[in-house]
Amino acid sequence: MARGWDGLEIGDRVKYETSENRFVVGEVIHLYVSDKSRARIKTDEGKEKDVICEYCEKV
């Protein structure tokens, strides 16, 4: 697992703040090489979502 993306690693549990000021909790499943500020998480509801890493915090 590579370091980067504001200290996130694949497998980390994160809390993401959406534009509606809601929080979504999930696990990092992909870190984008082409854009090191983006990651893909799998939410606790089972959905995949692209997120901006600066709005994530480790849980």
Protein backbone atom coordinates (compact mmCIF):
# COMPACT_ATOMS: atom_id res chain seq x y z
CA MET A 1 0.00 0.00 0.00
CA ALA A 2 1.45 3.30 -1.08
CA ARG A 3 1.52 6.37 1.10
CA GLY A 4 0.14 9.62 -0.21
CA TRP A 5 -3.19 11.29 -0.78
CA ASP A 6 -3.01 13.32 2.43
CA GLY A 7 -1.79 10.32 4.43
CA LEU A 8 -4.55 7.93 3.33
CA GLU A 9 -3.90 4.30 2.42
CA ILE A 10 -6.05 1.69 0.76
CA GLY A 11 -8.09 -0.01 3.48
CA ASP A 12 -8.33 3.05 5.75
CA ARG A 13 -11.76 3.85 7.20
CA VAL A 14 -12.68 7.47 6.55
CA LYS A 15 -15.46 9.92 7.24
CA TYR A 16 -16.24 12.19 4.27
CA GLU A 17 -18.13 15.48 4.49
CA THR A 18 -20.44 15.99 1.49
CA SER A 19 -21.47 19.30 -0.06
CA GLU A 20 -24.79 18.99 1.84
CA ASN A 21 -22.84 18.95 5.15
CA ARG A 22 -23.63 15.25 5.66
CA PHE A 23 -21.05 12.69 6.69
CA VAL A 24 -20.51 9.44 4.79
CA VAL A 25 -18.38 6.68 6.36
CA GLY A 26 -16.55 4.15 4.23
CA GLU A 27 -13.32 2.36 3.34
CA VAL A 28 -10.75 3.59 0.82
CA ILE A 29 -10.66 1.10 -2.08
CA HIS A 30 -8.77 3.10 -4.74
CA LEU A 31 -6.31 6.00 -4.81
CA TYR A 32 -6.16 7.79 -8.18
CA VAL A 33 -2.66 8.08 -9.67
CA SER A 34 -3.68 10.79 -12.14
CA ASP A 35 -5.18 13.03 -9.43
CA LYS A 36 -3.59 12.61 -6.00
CA SER A 37 -6.37 14.58 -4.32
CA ARG A 38 -9.02 11.95 -5.23
CA ALA A 39 -9.89 8.56 -3.85
CA ARG A 40 -12.74 6.07 -4.22
CA ILE A 41 -14.46 4.77 -1.10
CA LYS A 42 -16.98 2.00 -0.52
CA THR A 43 -19.58 3.35 1.87
CA ASP A 44 -21.13 1.40 4.72
CA GLU A 45 -24.27 1.22 2.53
CA GLY A 46 -22.24 -0.68 -0.10
CA LYS A 47 -22.06 2.13 -2.69
CA GLU A 48 -18.83 3.31 -4.33
CA LYS A 49 -18.17 7.06 -4.30
CA ASP A 50 -15.34 9.26 -5.59
CA VAL A 51 -14.22 11.77 -2.95
CA ILE A 52 -11.75 14.63 -2.54
CA CYS A 53 -9.20 13.57 0.10
CA GLU A 54 -8.99 16.95 1.82
CA TYR A 55 -12.63 16.47 2.96
CA CYS A 56 -11.86 13.04 4.49
CA GLU A 57 -10.70 12.24 7.98
CA LYS A 58 -9.63 8.86 9.32
CA VAL A 59 -12.10 7.13 11.61
